[in-house]
């Protein structure tokens, strides 16, 4: 398991990650560092622990909102799928009804054609 050095708020931290995940860890650390830098500019250097806590809370809030939106979209998608399934079922029933009507009309035409041919 590789050890990586990441920098957050000007401090280096050693973090272990799975092999092949080094670049992703680097990207995540850069994202966190940017959030901490914005907080530090807003509230001042109130200590690494407090800045990391505040950044973590903000990111968790964003994650919570995004998760709620995803759940809402999944619910909307399920409703649309249900409506689509009902529409498909209705269309299939309509097609079956039309096929029956066409079969009856065809039989009637054949009966009329047979009468005309016999006359």
PDB file of N, CA and C in Angstrom:
ATOM      1  N   UNK A   1       0.849  -1.167   0.000  1.00  0.00           N
ATOM      2  CA  UNK A   1       0.000   0.000   0.000  1.00  0.00           C
ATOM      3  C   UNK A   1       0.896   1.231   0.000  1.00  0.00           C
ATOM      4  N   UNK A   2       0.847   2.006  -1.081  1.00  0.00           N
ATOM      5  CA  UNK A   2       1.732   3.175  -1.190  1.00  0.00           C
ATOM      6  C   UNK A   2       1.393   4.269  -0.175  1.00  0.00           C
ATOM      7  N   UNK A   3       2.434   4.934   0.287  1.00  0.00           N
ATOM      8  CA  UNK A   3       2.278   6.109   1.139  1.00  0.00           C
ATOM      9  C   UNK A   3       2.461   7.340   0.272  1.00  0.00           C
ATOM     10  N   UNK A   4       1.545   8.263   0.402  1.00  0.00           N
ATOM     11  CA  UNK A   4       1.605   9.495  -0.392  1.00  0.00           C
ATOM     12  C   UNK A   4       1.726  10.679   0.551  1.00  0.00           C
ATOM     13  N   UNK A   5       2.379  11.694   0.077  1.00  0.00           N
ATOM     14  CA  UNK A   5       2.402  12.950   0.813  1.00  0.00           C
ATOM     15  C   UNK A   5       1.440  13.898   0.125  1.00  0.00           C
ATOM     16  N   UNK A   6       0.521  14.442   0.917  1.00  0.00           N
ATOM     17  CA  UNK A   6      -0.418  15.438   0.389  1.00  0.00           C
ATOM     18  C   UNK A   6      -0.250  16.698   1.210  1.00  0.00           C
ATOM     19  N   UNK A   7      -0.578  17.815   0.610  1.00  0.00           N
ATOM     20  CA  UNK A   7      -0.435  19.100   1.287  1.00  0.00           C
ATOM     21  C   UNK A   7      -1.811  19.728   1.442  1.00  0.00           C
ATOM     22  N   UNK A   8      -2.143  20.053   2.688  1.00  0.00           N
ATOM     23  CA  UNK A   8      -3.394  20.743   2.984  1.00  0.00           C
ATOM     24  C   UNK A   8      -3.054  21.906   3.910  1.00  0.00           C
ATOM     25  N   UNK A   9      -3.421  23.088   3.480  1.00  0.00           N
ATOM     26  CA  UNK A   9      -3.175  24.314   4.241  1.00  0.00           C
ATOM     27  C   UNK A   9      -1.686  24.493   4.551  1.00  0.00           C
ATOM     28  N   UNK A  10      -0.861  24.139   3.583  1.00  0.00           N
ATOM     29  CA  UNK A  10       0.573  24.323   3.720  1.00  0.00           C
ATOM     30  C   UNK A  10       1.279  23.259   4.554  1.00  0.00           C
ATOM     31  N   UNK A  11       0.562  22.276   5.046  1.00  0.00           N
ATOM     32  CA  UNK A  11       1.164  21.202   5.840  1.00  0.00           C
ATOM     33  C   UNK A  11       1.144  19.902   5.068  1.00  0.00           C
ATOM     34  N   UNK A  12       2.225  19.167   5.223  1.00  0.00           N
ATOM     35  CA  UNK A  12       2.328  17.867   4.553  1.00  0.00           C
ATOM     36  C   UNK A  12       1.790  16.772   5.463  1.00  0.00           C
ATOM     37  N   UNK A  13       1.024  15.870   4.846  1.00  0.00           N
ATOM     38  CA  UNK A  13       0.488  14.718   5.564  1.00  0.00           C
ATOM     39  C   UNK A  13       0.813  13.471   4.762  1.00  0.00           C
ATOM     40  N   UNK A  14       1.183  12.405   5.457  1.00  0.00           N
ATOM     41  CA  UNK A  14       1.391  11.124   4.784  1.00  0.00           C
ATOM     42  C   UNK A  14       0.105  10.315   4.898  1.00  0.00           C
ATOM     43  N   UNK A  15      -0.349   9.843   3.733  1.00  0.00           N
ATOM     44  CA  UNK A  15      -1.612   9.097   3.673  1.00  0.00           C
ATOM     45  C   UNK A  15      -1.377   7.841   2.848  1.00  0.00           C
ATOM     46  N   UNK A  16      -1.876   6.720   3.341  1.00  0.00           N
ATOM     47  CA  UNK A  16      -1.788   5.464   2.589  1.00  0.00           C
ATOM     48  C   UNK A  16      -2.998   5.354   1.666  1.00  0.00           C
ATOM     49  N   UNK A  17      -2.777   4.713   0.516  1.00  0.00           N
ATOM     50  CA  UNK A  17      -3.878   4.480  -0.414  1.00  0.00           C
ATOM     51  C   UNK A  17      -3.623   3.167  -1.145  1.00  0.00           C
ATOM     52  N   UNK A  18      -4.654   2.670  -1.795  1.00  0.00           N
ATOM     53  CA  UNK A  18      -4.503   1.448  -2.577  1.00  0.00           C
ATOM     54  C   UNK A  18      -3.629   1.725  -3.797  1.00  0.00           C
ATOM     55  N   UNK A  19      -2.939   0.716  -4.244  1.00  0.00           N
ATOM     56  CA  UNK A  19      -2.109   0.848  -5.438  1.00  0.00           C
ATOM     57  C   UNK A  19      -2.991   1.272  -6.611  1.00  0.00           C
ATOM     58  N   UNK A  20      -2.523   2.229  -7.361  1.00  0.00           N
ATOM     59  CA  UNK A  20      -3.265   2.726  -8.510  1.00  0.00           C
ATOM     60  C   UNK A  20      -4.191   3.885  -8.176  1.00  0.00           C
ATOM     61  N   UNK A  21      -4.334   4.215  -6.899  1.00  0.00           N
ATOM     62  CA  UNK A  21      -5.240   5.288  -6.473  1.00  0.00           C
ATOM     63  C   UNK A  21      -4.491   6.580  -6.121  1.00  0.00           C
ATOM     64  N   UNK A  22      -3.210   6.604  -6.417  1.00  0.00           N
ATOM     65  CA  UNK A  22      -2.391   7.756  -6.025  1.00  0.00           C
ATOM     66  C   UNK A  22      -2.898   9.066  -6.648  1.00  0.00           C
ATOM     67  N   UNK A  23      -3.195   9.035  -7.930  1.00  0.00           N
ATOM     68  CA  UNK A  23      -3.641  10.254  -8.618  1.00  0.00           C
ATOM     69  C   UNK A  23      -4.976  10.726  -8.059  1.00  0.00           C
ATOM     70  N   UNK A  24      -5.875   9.799  -7.799  1.00  0.00           N
ATOM     71  CA  UNK A  24      -7.183  10.166  -7.227  1.00  0.00           C
ATOM     72  C   UNK A  24      -7.002  10.785  -5.852  1.00  0.00           C
ATOM     73  N   UNK A  25      -6.132  10.218  -5.031  1.00  0.00           N
ATOM     74  CA  UNK A  25      -5.858  10.771  -3.707  1.00  0.00           C
ATOM     75  C   UNK A  25      -5.284  12.185  -3.835  1.00  0.00           C
ATOM     76  N   UNK A  26      -4.392  12.362  -4.785  1.00  0.00           N
ATOM     77  CA  UNK A  26      -3.800  13.680  -5.006  1.00  0.00           C
ATOM     78  C   UNK A  26      -4.888  14.701  -5.373  1.00  0.00           C
ATOM     79  N   UNK A  27      -5.812  14.299  -6.254  1.00  0.00           N
ATOM     80  CA  UNK A  27      -6.908  15.188  -6.669  1.00  0.00           C
ATOM     81  C   UNK A  27      -7.813  15.530  -5.481  1.00  0.00           C
ATOM     82  N   UNK A  28      -8.126  14.530  -4.671  1.00  0.00           N
ATOM     83  CA  UNK A  28      -8.981  14.763  -3.505  1.00  0.00           C
ATOM     84  C   UNK A  28      -8.304  15.710  -2.513  1.00  0.00           C
ATOM     85  N   UNK A  29      -7.017  15.505  -2.291  1.00  0.00           N
ATOM     86  CA  UNK A  29      -6.279  16.371  -1.367  1.00  0.00           C
ATOM     87  C   UNK A  29      -6.237  17.807  -1.886  1.00  0.00           C
ATOM     88  N   UNK A  30      -6.070  17.976  -3.190  1.00  0.00           N
ATOM     89  CA  UNK A  30      -6.066  19.321  -3.773  1.00  0.00           C
ATOM     90  C   UNK A  30      -7.430  19.984  -3.602  1.00  0.00           C
ATOM     91  N   UNK A  31      -8.491  19.196  -3.794  1.00  0.00           N
ATOM     92  CA  UNK A  31      -9.848  19.732  -3.615  1.00  0.00           C
ATOM     93  C   UNK A  31     -10.053  20.170  -2.166  1.00  0.00           C
ATOM     94  N   UNK A  32      -9.649  19.333  -1.230  1.00  0.00           N
ATOM     95  CA  UNK A  32      -9.775  19.673   0.186  1.00  0.00           C
ATOM     96  C   UNK A  32      -8.938  20.901   0.519  1.00  0.00           C
ATOM     97  N   UNK A  33      -7.731  20.963  -0.009  1.00  0.00           N
ATOM     98  CA  UNK A  33      -6.846  22.103   0.245  1.00  0.00           C
ATOM     99  C   UNK A  33      -7.487  23.404  -0.237  1.00  0.00           C
ATOM    100  N   UNK A  34      -8.104  23.359  -1.415  1.00  0.00           N
ATOM    101  CA  UNK A  34      -8.777  24.569  -1.933  1.00  0.00           C
ATOM    102  C   UNK A  34      -9.891  25.004  -0.985  1.00  0.00           C
ATOM    103  N   UNK A  35     -10.670  24.027  -0.483  1.00  0.00           N
ATOM    104  CA  UNK A  35     -11.758  24.365   0.438  1.00  0.00           C
ATOM    105  C   UNK A  35     -11.208  24.958   1.728  1.00  0.00           C
ATOM    106  N   UNK A  36     -10.134  24.370   2.240  1.00  0.00           N
ATOM    107  CA  UNK A  36      -9.527  24.872   3.475  1.00  0.00           C
ATOM    108  C   UNK A  36      -8.963  26.273   3.241  1.00  0.00           C
ATOM    109  N   UNK A  37      -8.354  26.513   2.099  1.00  0.00           N
ATOM    110  CA  UNK A  37      -7.804  27.834   1.789  1.00  0.00           C
ATOM    111  C   UNK A  37      -8.906  28.895   1.753  1.00  0.00           C
ATOM    112  N   UNK A  38     -10.054  28.552   1.159  1.00  0.00           N
ATOM    113  CA  UNK A  38     -11.188  29.490   1.110  1.00  0.00           C
ATOM    114  C   UNK A  38     -11.681  29.778   2.532  1.00  0.00           C
ATOM    115  N   UNK A  39     -11.782  28.732   3.342  1.00  0.00           N
ATOM    116  CA  UNK A  39     -12.200  28.935   4.734  1.00  0.00           C
ATOM    117  C   UNK A  39     -11.190  29.787   5.491  1.00  0.00           C
ATOM    118  N   UNK A  40      -9.919  29.492   5.308  1.00  0.00           N
ATOM    119  CA  UNK A  40      -8.873  30.248   6.012  1.00  0.00           C
ATOM    120  C   UNK A  40      -8.925  31.721   5.617  1.00  0.00           C
ATOM    121  N   UNK A  41      -9.203  31.985   4.355  1.00  0.00           N
ATOM    122  CA  UNK A  41      -9.315  33.377   3.907  1.00  0.00           C
ATOM    123  C   UNK A  41     -10.539  34.042   4.532  1.00  0.00           C
ATOM    124  N   UNK A  42     -11.576  33.258   4.801  1.00  0.00           N
ATOM    125  CA  UNK A  42     -12.818  33.794   5.342  1.00  0.00           C
ATOM    126  C   UNK A  42     -12.769  33.975   6.860  1.00  0.00           C
ATOM    127  N   UNK A  43     -12.284  32.959   7.578  1.00  0.00           N
ATOM    128  CA  UNK A  43     -12.319  33.000   9.044  1.00  0.00           C
ATOM    129  C   UNK A  43     -10.946  33.181   9.673  1.00  0.00           C
ATOM    130  N   UNK A  44      -9.901  33.132   8.864  1.00  0.00           N
ATOM    131  CA  UNK A  44      -8.541  33.259   9.385  1.00  0.00           C
ATOM    132  C   UNK A  44      -7.963  31.901   9.733  1.00  0.00           C
ATOM    133  N   UNK A  45      -6.716  31.913  10.116  1.00  0.00           N
ATOM    134  CA  UNK A  45      -6.029  30.672  10.478  1.00  0.00           C
ATOM    135  C   UNK A  45      -6.426  30.327  11.918  1.00  0.00           C
ATOM    136  N   UNK A  46      -7.476  29.549  12.045  1.00  0.00           N
ATOM    137  CA  UNK A  46      -7.996  29.191  13.368  1.00  0.00           C
ATOM    138  C   UNK A  46      -7.485  27.830  13.822  1.00  0.00           C
ATOM    139  N   UNK A  47      -6.496  27.319  13.133  1.00  0.00           N
ATOM    140  CA  UNK A  47      -5.919  26.021  13.476  1.00  0.00           C
ATOM    141  C   UNK A  47      -6.314  24.971  12.454  1.00  0.00           C
ATOM    142  N   UNK A  48      -5.352  24.080  12.208  1.00  0.00           N
ATOM    143  CA  UNK A  48      -5.574  23.049  11.191  1.00  0.00           C
ATOM    144  C   UNK A  48      -6.778  22.171  11.507  1.00  0.00           C
ATOM    145  N   UNK A  49      -6.876  21.757  12.750  1.00  0.00           N
ATOM    146  CA  UNK A  49      -7.965  20.850  13.118  1.00  0.00           C
ATOM    147  C   UNK A  49      -9.320  21.505  12.875  1.00  0.00           C
ATOM    148  N   UNK A  50      -9.470  22.751  13.293  1.00  0.00           N
ATOM    149  CA  UNK A  50     -10.746  23.450  13.126  1.00  0.00           C
ATOM    150  C   UNK A  50     -11.035  23.707  11.646  1.00  0.00           C
ATOM    151  N   UNK A  51     -10.025  24.098  10.888  1.00  0.00           N
ATOM    152  CA  UNK A  51     -10.230  24.323   9.444  1.00  0.00           C
ATOM    153  C   UNK A  51     -10.614  23.026   8.742  1.00  0.00           C
ATOM    154  N   UNK A  52      -9.935  21.928   9.096  1.00  0.00           N
ATOM    155  CA  UNK A  52     -10.270  20.640   8.488  1.00  0.00           C
ATOM    156  C   UNK A  52     -11.671  20.196   8.890  1.00  0.00           C
ATOM    157  N   UNK A  53     -12.044  20.434  10.140  1.00  0.00           N
ATOM    158  CA  UNK A  53     -13.389  20.098  10.595  1.00  0.00           C
ATOM    159  C   UNK A  53     -14.428  20.891   9.818  1.00  0.00           C
ATOM    160  N   UNK A  54     -14.210  22.199   9.695  1.00  0.00           N
ATOM    161  CA  UNK A  54     -15.164  23.047   8.978  1.00  0.00           C
ATOM    162  C   UNK A  54     -15.263  22.635   7.514  1.00  0.00           C
ATOM    163  N   UNK A  55     -14.135  22.360   6.887  1.00  0.00           N
ATOM    164  CA  UNK A  55     -14.145  21.921   5.489  1.00  0.00           C
ATOM    165  C   UNK A  55     -14.869  20.587   5.353  1.00  0.00           C
ATOM    166  N   UNK A  56     -14.618  19.679   6.295  1.00  0.00           N
ATOM    167  CA  UNK A  56     -15.295  18.385   6.286  1.00  0.00           C
ATOM    168  C   UNK A  56     -16.801  18.539   6.429  1.00  0.00           C
ATOM    169  N   UNK A  57     -17.215  19.434   7.315  1.00  0.00           N
ATOM    170  CA  UNK A  57     -18.653  19.674   7.501  1.00  0.00           C
ATOM    171  C   UNK A  57     -19.285  20.267   6.240  1.00  0.00           C
ATOM    172  N   UNK A  58     -18.601  21.211   5.615  1.00  0.00           N
ATOM    173  CA  UNK A  58     -19.124  21.808   4.385  1.00  0.00           C
ATOM    174  C   UNK A  58     -19.233  20.768   3.268  1.00  0.00           C
ATOM    175  N   UNK A  59     -18.204  19.951   3.123  1.00  0.00           N
ATOM    176  CA  UNK A  59     -18.224  18.910   2.090  1.00  0.00           C
ATOM    177  C   UNK A  59     -19.297  17.865   2.390  1.00  0.00           C
ATOM    178  N   UNK A  60     -19.474  17.531   3.660  1.00  0.00           N
ATOM    179  CA  UNK A  60     -20.509  16.575   4.041  1.00  0.00           C
ATOM    180  C   UNK A  60     -21.891  17.151   3.762  1.00  0.00           C
ATOM    181  N   UNK A  61     -22.066  18.437   3.990  1.00  0.00           N
ATOM    182  CA  UNK A  61     -23.337  19.091   3.685  1.00  0.00           C
ATOM    183  C   UNK A  61     -23.618  19.027   2.182  1.00  0.00           C
ATOM    184  N   UNK A  62     -22.617  19.332   1.379  1.00  0.00           N
ATOM    185  CA  UNK A  62     -22.779  19.267  -0.080  1.00  0.00           C
ATOM    186  C   UNK A  62     -23.107  17.838  -0.519  1.00  0.00           C
ATOM    187  N   UNK A  63     -22.429  16.865   0.078  1.00  0.00           N
ATOM    188  CA  UNK A  63     -22.686  15.458  -0.239  1.00  0.00           C
ATOM    189  C   UNK A  63     -24.114  15.074   0.132  1.00  0.00           C
ATOM    190  N   UNK A  64     -24.572  15.539   1.283  1.00  0.00           N
ATOM    191  CA  UNK A  64     -25.930  15.243   1.736  1.00  0.00           C
ATOM    192  C   UNK A  64     -26.960  15.817   0.772  1.00  0.00           C
ATOM    193  N   UNK A  65     -26.750  17.039   0.340  1.00  0.00           N
ATOM    194  CA  UNK A  65     -27.664  17.680  -0.618  1.00  0.00           C
ATOM    195  C   UNK A  65     -27.641  16.925  -1.942  1.00  0.00           C
ATOM    196  N   UNK A  66     -26.457  16.566  -2.415  1.00  0.00           N
ATOM    197  CA  UNK A  66     -26.340  15.828  -3.678  1.00  0.00           C
ATOM    198  C   UNK A  66     -27.005  14.459  -3.579  1.00  0.00           C
ATOM    199  N   UNK A  67     -26.848  13.789  -2.433  1.00  0.00           N
ATOM    200  CA  UNK A  67     -27.470  12.483  -2.225  1.00  0.00           C
ATOM    201  C   UNK A  67     -28.991  12.608  -2.247  1.00  0.00           C
ATOM    202  N   UNK A  68     -29.512  13.653  -1.618  1.00  0.00           N
ATOM    203  CA  UNK A  68     -30.962  13.881  -1.612  1.00  0.00           C
ATOM    204  C   UNK A  68     -31.469  14.146  -3.033  1.00  0.00           C
ATOM    205  N   UNK A  69     -30.706  14.922  -3.805  1.00  0.00           N
ATOM    206  CA  UNK A  69     -31.097  15.196  -5.196  1.00  0.00           C
ATOM    207  C   UNK A  69     -31.083  13.926  -6.032  1.00  0.00           C
ATOM    208  N   UNK A  70     -30.096  13.086  -5.812  1.00  0.00           N
ATOM    209  CA  UNK A  70     -30.017  11.815  -6.544  1.00  0.00           C
ATOM    210  C   UNK A  70     -31.225  10.949  -6.201  1.00  0.00           C
ATOM    211  N   UNK A  71     -31.576  10.883  -4.918  1.00  0.00           N
ATOM    212  CA  UNK A  71     -32.736  10.087  -4.500  1.00  0.00           C
ATOM    213  C   UNK A  71     -34.005  10.625  -5.145  1.00  0.00           C
ATOM    214  N   UNK A  72     -34.116  11.945  -5.210  1.00  0.00           N
ATOM    215  CA  UNK A  72     -35.288  12.564  -5.844  1.00  0.00           C
ATOM    216  C   UNK A  72     -35.333  12.243  -7.335  1.00  0.00           C
ATOM    217  N   UNK A  73     -34.179  12.309  -7.995  1.00  0.00           N
ATOM    218  CA  UNK A  73     -34.117  11.984  -9.433  1.00  0.00           C
ATOM    219  C   UNK A  73     -34.442  10.516  -9.676  1.00  0.00           C
ATOM    220  N   UNK A  74     -33.973   9.634  -8.783  1.00  0.00           N
ATOM    221  CA  UNK A  74     -34.275   8.209  -8.917  1.00  0.00           C
ATOM    222  C   UNK A  74     -35.775   7.962  -8.755  1.00  0.00           C
ATOM    223  N   UNK A  75     -36.395   8.694  -7.840  1.00  0.00           N
ATOM    224  CA  UNK A  75     -37.842   8.573  -7.646  1.00  0.00           C
ATOM    225  C   UNK A  75     -38.571   9.050  -8.903  1.00  0.00           C
ATOM    226  N   UNK A  76     -38.148  10.193  -9.446  1.00  0.00           N
ATOM    227  CA  UNK A  76     -38.745  10.715 -10.678  1.00  0.00           C
ATOM    228  C   UNK A  76     -38.567   9.732 -11.830  1.00  0.00           C
ATOM    229  N   UNK A  77     -37.386   9.143 -11.914  1.00  0.00           N
ATOM    230  CA  UNK A  77     -37.099   8.165 -12.970  1.00  0.00           C
ATOM    231  C   UNK A  77     -37.997   6.945 -12.833  1.00  0.00           C
ATOM    232  N   UNK A  78     -38.200   6.495 -11.604  1.00  0.00           N
ATOM    233  CA  UNK A  78     -39.071   5.337 -11.371  1.00  0.00           C
ATOM    234  C   UNK A  78     -40.498   5.648 -11.801  1.00  0.00           C
ATOM    235  N   UNK A  79     -40.963   6.869 -11.507  1.00  0.00           N
ATOM    236  CA  UNK A  79     -42.315   7.268 -11.921  1.00  0.00           C
ATOM    237  C   UNK A  79     -42.433   7.306 -13.439  1.00  0.00           C
ATOM    238  N   UNK A  80     -41.428   7.857 -14.100  1.00  0.00           N
ATOM    239  CA  UNK A  80     -41.444   7.920 -15.561  1.00  0.00           C
ATOM    240  C   UNK A  80     -41.421   6.510 -16.153  1.00  0.00           C
ATOM    241  N   UNK A  81     -40.599   5.628 -15.581  1.00  0.00           N
ATOM    242  CA  UNK A  81     -40.548   4.245 -16.062  1.00  0.00           C
ATOM    243  C   UNK A  81     -41.898   3.559 -15.890  1.00  0.00           C
ATOM    244  N   UNK A  82     -42.567   3.809 -14.757  1.00  0.00           N
ATOM    245  CA  UNK A  82     -43.879   3.208 -14.513  1.00  0.00           C
ATOM    246  C   UNK A  82     -44.900   3.716 -15.532  1.00  0.00           C
ATOM    247  N   UNK A  83     -44.862   5.022 -15.793  1.00  0.00           N
ATOM    248  CA  UNK A  83     -45.776   5.590 -16.799  1.00  0.00           C
ATOM    249  C   UNK A  83     -45.484   5.019 -18.175  1.00  0.00           C
ATOM    250  N   UNK A  84     -44.218   4.874 -18.488  1.00  0.00           N
ATOM    251  CA  UNK A  84     -43.825   4.312 -19.781  1.00  0.00           C
ATOM    252  C   UNK A  84     -44.286   2.868 -19.898  1.00  0.00           C
ATOM    253  N   UNK A  85     -44.151   2.122 -18.819  1.00  0.00           N
ATOM    254  CA  UNK A  85     -44.605   0.723 -18.832  1.00  0.00           C
ATOM    255  C   UNK A  85     -46.111   0.661 -19.048  1.00  0.00           C
ATOM    256  N   UNK A  86     -46.855   1.570 -18.383  1.00  0.00           N
ATOM    257  CA  UNK A  86     -48.308   1.609 -18.571  1.00  0.00           C
ATOM    258  C   UNK A  86     -48.663   1.992 -19.997  1.00  0.00           C
ATOM    259  N   UNK A  87     -47.930   2.943 -20.555  1.00  0.00           N
ATOM    260  CA  UNK A  87     -48.177   3.370 -21.932  1.00  0.00           C
ATOM    261  C   UNK A  87     -47.899   2.220 -22.896  1.00  0.00           C
ATOM    262  N   UNK A  88     -46.806   1.521 -22.672  1.00  0.00           N
ATOM    263  CA  UNK A  88     -46.455   0.385 -23.527  1.00  0.00           C
ATOM    264  C   UNK A  88     -47.525  -0.693 -23.446  1.00  0.00           C
ATOM    265  N   UNK A  89     -48.005  -0.949 -22.222  1.00  0.00           N
ATOM    266  CA  UNK A  89     -49.060  -1.950 -22.024  1.00  0.00           C
ATOM    267  C   UNK A  89     -50.331  -1.517 -22.749  1.00  0.00           C
ATOM    268  N   UNK A  90     -50.674  -0.245 -22.650  1.00  0.00           N
ATOM    269  CA  UNK A  90     -51.862   0.278 -23.318  1.00  0.00           C
ATOM    270  C   UNK A  90     -51.713   0.176 -24.830  1.00  0.00           C
ATOM    271  N   UNK A  91     -50.543   0.492 -25.339  1.00  0.00           N
ATOM    272  CA  UNK A  91     -50.301   0.393 -26.779  1.00  0.00           C
ATOM    273  C   UNK A  91     -50.405  -1.049 -27.260  1.00  0.00           C
ATOM    274  N   UNK A  92     -49.876  -1.975 -26.464  1.00  0.00           N
ATOM    275  CA  UNK A  92     -49.945  -3.389 -26.835  1.00  0.00           C
ATOM    276  C   UNK A  92     -51.397  -3.860 -26.880  1.00  0.00           C
ATOM    277  N   UNK A  93     -52.206  -3.414 -25.904  1.00  0.00           N
ATOM    278  CA  UNK A  93     -53.626  -3.769 -25.899  1.00  0.00           C
ATOM    279  C   UNK A  93     -54.328  -3.158 -27.107  1.00  0.00           C
ATOM    280  N   UNK A  94     -53.996  -1.905 -27.418  1.00  0.00           N
ATOM    281  CA  UNK A  94     -54.608  -1.238 -28.574  1.00  0.00           C
ATOM    282  C   UNK A  94     -54.229  -1.968 -29.864  1.00  0.00           C
ATOM    283  N   UNK A  95     -52.963  -2.350 -29.992  1.00  0.00           N
ATOM    284  CA  UNK A  95     -52.516  -3.085 -31.181  1.00  0.00           C
ATOM    285  C   UNK A  95     -53.264  -4.410 -31.314  1.00  0.00           C
ATOM    286  N   UNK A  96     -53.461  -5.102 -30.196  1.00  0.00           N
ATOM    287  CA  UNK A  96     -54.188  -6.375 -30.224  1.00  0.00           C
ATOM    288  C   UNK A  96     -55.631  -6.148 -30.659  1.00  0.00           C
ATOM    289  N   UNK A  97     -56.252  -5.093 -30.149  1.00  0.00           N
ATOM    290  CA  UNK A  97     -57.630  -4.762 -30.538  1.00  0.00           C
ATOM    291  C   UNK A  97     -57.735  -4.422 -32.004  1.00  0.00           C
ATOM    292  N   UNK A  98     -56.775  -3.641 -32.499  1.00  0.00           N
ATOM    293  CA  UNK A  98     -56.764  -3.277 -33.922  1.00  0.00           C
ATOM    294  C   UNK A  98     -56.566  -4.514 -34.781  1.00  0.00           C
ATOM    295  N   UNK A  99     -55.686  -5.401 -34.348  1.00  0.00           N
ATOM    296  CA  UNK A  99     -55.457  -6.646 -35.100  1.00  0.00           C
ATOM    297  C   UNK A  99     -56.735  -7.464 -35.183  1.00  0.00           C
ATOM    298  N   UNK A 100     -57.483  -7.537 -34.075  1.00  0.00           N
ATOM    299  CA  UNK A 100     -58.747  -8.272 -34.079  1.00  0.00           C
ATOM    300  C   UNK A 100     -59.751  -7.624 -35.042  1.00  0.00           C
ATOM    301  N   UNK A 101     -59.828  -6.301 -35.001  1.00  0.00           N
ATOM    302  CA  UNK A 101     -60.736  -5.588 -35.913  1.00  0.00           C
ATOM    303  C   UNK A 101     -60.360  -5.842 -37.371  1.00  0.00           C
ATOM    304  N   UNK A 102     -59.063  -5.814 -37.651  1.00  0.00           N
ATOM    305  CA  UNK A 102     -58.616  -6.061 -39.025  1.00  0.00           C
ATOM    306  C   UNK A 102     -58.924  -7.500 -39.447  1.00  0.00           C
ATOM    307  N   UNK A 103     -58.764  -8.446 -38.544  1.00  0.00           N
ATOM    308  CA  UNK A 103     -59.098  -9.843 -38.856  1.00  0.00           C
ATOM    309  C   UNK A 103     -60.590  -9.967 -39.174  1.00  0.00           C
ATOM    310  N   UNK A 104     -61.450  -9.334 -38.376  1.00  0.00           N
ATOM    311  CA  UNK A 104     -62.900  -9.398 -38.628  1.00  0.00           C
ATOM    312  C   UNK A 104     -63.254  -8.726 -39.947  1.00  0.00           C
ATOM    313  N   UNK A 105     -62.618  -7.562 -40.203  1.00  0.00           N
ATOM    314  CA  UNK A 105     -62.897  -6.857 -41.454  1.00  0.00           C
ATOM    315  C   UNK A 105     -62.431  -7.685 -42.644  1.00  0.00           C
ATOM    316  N   UNK A 106     -61.282  -8.328 -42.513  1.00  0.00           N
ATOM    317  CA  UNK A 106     -60.766  -9.178 -43.588  1.00  0.00           C
ATOM    318  C   UNK A 106     -61.710 -10.341 -43.855  1.00  0.00           C
ATOM    319  N   UNK A 107     -62.208 -10.971 -42.802  1.00  0.00           N
ATOM    320  CA  UNK A 107     -63.151 -12.090 -42.964  1.00  0.00           C
ATOM    321  C   UNK A 107     -64.435 -11.615 -43.620  1.00  0.00           C
ATOM    322  N   UNK A 108     -64.897 -10.446 -43.233  1.00  0.00           N
ATOM    323  CA  UNK A 108     -66.121  -9.891 -43.827  1.00  0.00           C
ATOM    324  C   UNK A 108     -65.921  -9.587 -45.302  1.00  0.00           C
ATOM    325  N   UNK A 109     -64.764  -9.000 -45.633  1.00  0.00           N
ATOM    326  CA  UNK A 109     -64.464  -8.691 -47.034  1.00  0.00           C
ATOM    327  C   UNK A 109     -64.396  -9.974 -47.852  1.00  0.00           C
ATOM    328  N   UNK A 110     -63.783 -10.998 -47.297  1.00  0.00           N
ATOM    329  CA  UNK A 110     -63.708 -12.278 -48.006  1.00  0.00           C
ATOM    330  C   UNK A 110     -65.102 -12.869 -48.230  1.00  0.00           C
ATOM    331  N   UNK A 111     -65.965 -12.722 -47.231  1.00  0.00           N
ATOM    332  CA  UNK A 111     -67.349 -13.223 -47.364  1.00  0.00           C
ATOM    333  C   UNK A 111     -68.072 -12.455 -48.470  1.00  0.00           C
ATOM    334  N   UNK A 112     -67.921 -11.134 -48.473  1.00  0.00           N
ATOM    335  CA  UNK A 112     -68.557 -10.310 -49.503  1.00  0.00           C
ATOM    336  C   UNK A 112     -67.988 -10.649 -50.884  1.00  0.00           C
ATOM    337  N   UNK A 113     -66.656 -10.822 -50.953  1.00  0.00           N
ATOM    338  CA  UNK A 113     -66.017 -11.138 -52.218  1.00  0.00           C
ATOM    339  C   UNK A 113     -66.504 -12.499 -52.734  1.00  0.00           C
ATOM    340  N   UNK A 114     -66.695 -13.454 -51.845  1.00  0.00           N
ATOM    341  CA  UNK A 114     -67.200 -14.780 -52.240  1.00  0.00           C
ATOM    342  C   UNK A 114     -68.607 -14.676 -52.774  1.00  0.00           C
ATOM    343  N   UNK A 115     -69.455 -13.829 -52.161  1.00  0.00           N
ATOM    344  CA  UNK A 115     -70.830 -13.638 -52.626  1.00  0.00           C
ATOM    345  C   UNK A 115     -70.838 -13.003 -54.011  1.00  0.00           C
ATOM    346  N   UNK A 116     -69.967 -11.984 -54.171  1.00  0.00           N
ATOM    347  CA  UNK A 116     -69.910 -11.291 -55.457  1.00  0.00           C
ATOM    348  C   UNK A 116     -69.434 -12.262 -56.542  1.00  0.00           C
ATOM    349  N   UNK A 117     -68.459 -13.080 -56.240  1.00  0.00           N
ATOM    350  CA  UNK A 117     -67.921 -14.030 -57.213  1.00  0.00           C
ATOM    351  C   UNK A 117     -68.962 -15.098 -57.563  1.00  0.00           C
ATOM    352  N   UNK A 118     -69.783 -15.450 -56.612  1.00  0.00           N
ATOM    353  CA  UNK A 118     -70.811 -16.487 -56.837  1.00  0.00           C
ATOM    354  C   UNK A 118     -71.981 -15.928 -57.623  1.00  0.00           C
ATOM    355  N   UNK A 119     -72.190 -14.662 -57.612  1.00  0.00           N
ATOM    356  CA  UNK A 119     -73.358 -14.071 -58.303  1.00  0.00           C
ATOM    357  C   UNK A 119     -73.137 -13.849 -59.739  1.00  0.00           C
TER     358      UNK A 119
END
